[in-house]
N, C-alpha and C. Protein backbone atom coordinates (compact mmCIF):
# COMPACT_ATOMS: atom_id res chain seq x y z
N MET A 1 10.78 -9.23 -1.53
CA MET A 1 11.81 -8.30 -1.08
C MET A 1 11.54 -7.90 0.37
N ALA A 2 12.60 -7.57 1.06
CA ALA A 2 12.46 -7.15 2.45
C ALA A 2 13.20 -5.83 2.67
N TYR A 3 12.79 -5.15 3.70
CA TYR A 3 13.43 -3.89 4.07
C TYR A 3 14.88 -4.16 4.46
N THR A 4 15.81 -3.40 3.90
CA THR A 4 17.23 -3.67 4.15
C THR A 4 18.04 -2.49 4.67
N ASP A 5 17.43 -1.35 4.91
CA ASP A 5 18.18 -0.18 5.40
C ASP A 5 18.79 -0.52 6.76
N GLU A 6 20.10 -0.40 6.86
CA GLU A 6 20.80 -0.76 8.09
C GLU A 6 20.65 0.28 9.20
N GLY A 7 20.03 1.41 8.92
CA GLY A 7 19.83 2.45 9.92
C GLY A 7 18.69 2.16 10.87
N MET A 8 17.91 1.14 10.56
CA MET A 8 16.77 0.75 11.38
C MET A 8 17.05 -0.59 12.05
N THR A 9 16.61 -0.70 13.28
CA THR A 9 16.67 -1.97 13.98
C THR A 9 15.29 -2.60 13.88
N LYS A 10 15.20 -3.77 13.27
CA LYS A 10 13.91 -4.44 13.13
C LYS A 10 13.47 -5.00 14.47
N ILE A 11 12.17 -4.90 14.72
CA ILE A 11 11.58 -5.39 15.96
C ILE A 11 10.32 -6.18 15.64
N SER A 12 9.87 -6.99 16.59
CA SER A 12 8.65 -7.77 16.41
C SER A 12 7.42 -6.87 16.54
N SER A 13 6.30 -7.39 16.11
CA SER A 13 5.05 -6.63 16.24
C SER A 13 4.70 -6.42 17.71
N GLN A 14 5.00 -7.40 18.57
CA GLN A 14 4.73 -7.26 20.00
C GLN A 14 5.58 -6.14 20.60
N LYS A 15 6.86 -6.11 20.21
CA LYS A 15 7.76 -5.06 20.71
C LYS A 15 7.32 -3.71 20.16
N ALA A 16 6.88 -3.67 18.90
CA ALA A 16 6.40 -2.42 18.30
C ALA A 16 5.23 -1.87 19.11
N LYS A 17 4.31 -2.74 19.46
CA LYS A 17 3.14 -2.31 20.24
C LYS A 17 3.56 -1.77 21.60
N LYS A 18 4.46 -2.48 22.28
CA LYS A 18 4.91 -2.04 23.60
C LYS A 18 5.61 -0.69 23.53
N LEU A 19 6.54 -0.57 22.60
CA LEU A 19 7.28 0.69 22.48
C LEU A 19 6.36 1.85 22.10
N PHE A 20 5.43 1.59 21.18
CA PHE A 20 4.48 2.63 20.78
C PHE A 20 3.66 3.08 21.98
N ASN A 21 3.16 2.11 22.75
CA ASN A 21 2.37 2.45 23.94
C ASN A 21 3.19 3.17 24.99
N ASP A 22 4.51 2.97 24.98
CA ASP A 22 5.40 3.66 25.90
C ASP A 22 5.81 5.05 25.40
N GLY A 23 5.29 5.43 24.21
CA GLY A 23 5.55 6.76 23.68
C GLY A 23 6.75 6.87 22.76
N GLN A 24 7.34 5.75 22.38
CA GLN A 24 8.49 5.80 21.47
C GLN A 24 8.03 5.81 20.01
N GLU A 25 8.86 6.36 19.16
CA GLU A 25 8.56 6.39 17.74
C GLU A 25 8.90 5.04 17.12
N VAL A 26 7.91 4.44 16.48
CA VAL A 26 8.05 3.14 15.83
C VAL A 26 7.73 3.33 14.35
N TYR A 27 8.46 2.62 13.50
CA TYR A 27 8.29 2.77 12.06
C TYR A 27 7.70 1.51 11.43
N LEU A 28 6.84 1.72 10.45
CA LEU A 28 6.37 0.65 9.59
C LEU A 28 7.38 0.57 8.46
N LEU A 29 7.94 -0.61 8.23
CA LEU A 29 8.98 -0.78 7.22
C LEU A 29 8.40 -1.47 5.99
N TYR A 30 8.74 -0.97 4.83
CA TYR A 30 8.21 -1.49 3.57
C TYR A 30 9.33 -2.11 2.73
N PRO A 31 8.98 -3.07 1.87
CA PRO A 31 9.99 -3.79 1.06
C PRO A 31 10.81 -2.90 0.12
N ASP A 32 10.29 -1.73 -0.22
CA ASP A 32 11.03 -0.84 -1.12
C ASP A 32 11.98 0.10 -0.35
N ASN A 33 12.29 -0.28 0.91
CA ASN A 33 13.19 0.48 1.79
C ASN A 33 12.67 1.85 2.16
N THR A 34 11.36 2.00 2.20
CA THR A 34 10.75 3.22 2.73
C THR A 34 10.16 2.87 4.09
N GLU A 35 9.85 3.89 4.84
CA GLU A 35 9.24 3.69 6.13
C GLU A 35 8.26 4.80 6.42
N ALA A 36 7.39 4.54 7.38
CA ALA A 36 6.41 5.53 7.82
C ALA A 36 6.30 5.42 9.33
N VAL A 37 6.11 6.56 9.98
CA VAL A 37 5.94 6.57 11.43
C VAL A 37 4.58 5.95 11.76
N MET A 38 4.59 5.03 12.69
CA MET A 38 3.35 4.39 13.13
C MET A 38 2.52 5.42 13.89
N GLU A 39 1.24 5.51 13.54
CA GLU A 39 0.37 6.51 14.16
C GLU A 39 -0.66 5.92 15.11
N SER A 40 -0.88 4.60 15.02
CA SER A 40 -1.83 3.96 15.92
C SER A 40 -1.50 2.48 16.05
N VAL A 41 -1.93 1.90 17.16
CA VAL A 41 -1.70 0.48 17.40
C VAL A 41 -2.46 -0.35 16.36
N ASP A 42 -3.57 0.16 15.87
CA ASP A 42 -4.36 -0.56 14.86
C ASP A 42 -3.55 -0.84 13.60
N GLN A 43 -2.57 -0.03 13.32
CA GLN A 43 -1.74 -0.24 12.13
C GLN A 43 -0.90 -1.50 12.22
N ILE A 44 -0.64 -1.99 13.41
CA ILE A 44 0.22 -3.17 13.58
C ILE A 44 -0.37 -4.38 12.88
N GLU A 45 -1.62 -4.72 13.21
CA GLU A 45 -2.23 -5.90 12.61
C GLU A 45 -2.34 -5.78 11.10
N GLU A 46 -2.74 -4.63 10.62
CA GLU A 46 -2.87 -4.43 9.17
C GLU A 46 -1.52 -4.56 8.47
N HIS A 47 -0.50 -3.95 9.03
CA HIS A 47 0.83 -3.98 8.43
C HIS A 47 1.42 -5.39 8.51
N GLU A 48 1.21 -6.06 9.61
CA GLU A 48 1.72 -7.41 9.79
C GLU A 48 1.02 -8.38 8.82
N TYR A 49 -0.27 -8.19 8.60
CA TYR A 49 -1.02 -9.03 7.66
C TYR A 49 -0.44 -8.95 6.26
N ARG A 50 0.11 -7.80 5.92
CA ARG A 50 0.71 -7.59 4.59
C ARG A 50 2.20 -7.92 4.60
N ASP A 51 2.64 -8.72 5.57
CA ASP A 51 4.04 -9.13 5.71
C ASP A 51 4.97 -7.95 5.96
N GLY A 52 4.43 -6.89 6.54
CA GLY A 52 5.24 -5.72 6.86
C GLY A 52 6.14 -5.98 8.05
N GLN A 53 7.15 -5.15 8.17
CA GLN A 53 8.08 -5.24 9.28
C GLN A 53 8.01 -3.94 10.08
N PHE A 54 8.58 -3.96 11.27
CA PHE A 54 8.57 -2.82 12.17
C PHE A 54 10.00 -2.50 12.59
N GLY A 55 10.26 -1.23 12.90
CA GLY A 55 11.61 -0.88 13.29
C GLY A 55 11.67 0.37 14.15
N VAL A 56 12.84 0.56 14.75
CA VAL A 56 13.16 1.77 15.52
C VAL A 56 14.54 2.23 15.09
N GLU A 57 14.79 3.52 15.24
CA GLU A 57 16.11 4.05 14.88
C GLU A 57 17.08 3.85 16.02
């Protein structure tokens, strides 16, 4: 299953890292259509390893 909420724009892990470093709010997207605010760049690799997706509002 994949994240399907249309209120989020999916972005790549590279874009997530850039936007996060620029001070923008980036979300970790989960297959059950939940999300969490990214709190550190370290979360990118871990989330990506688990086939996670990233998004912005």
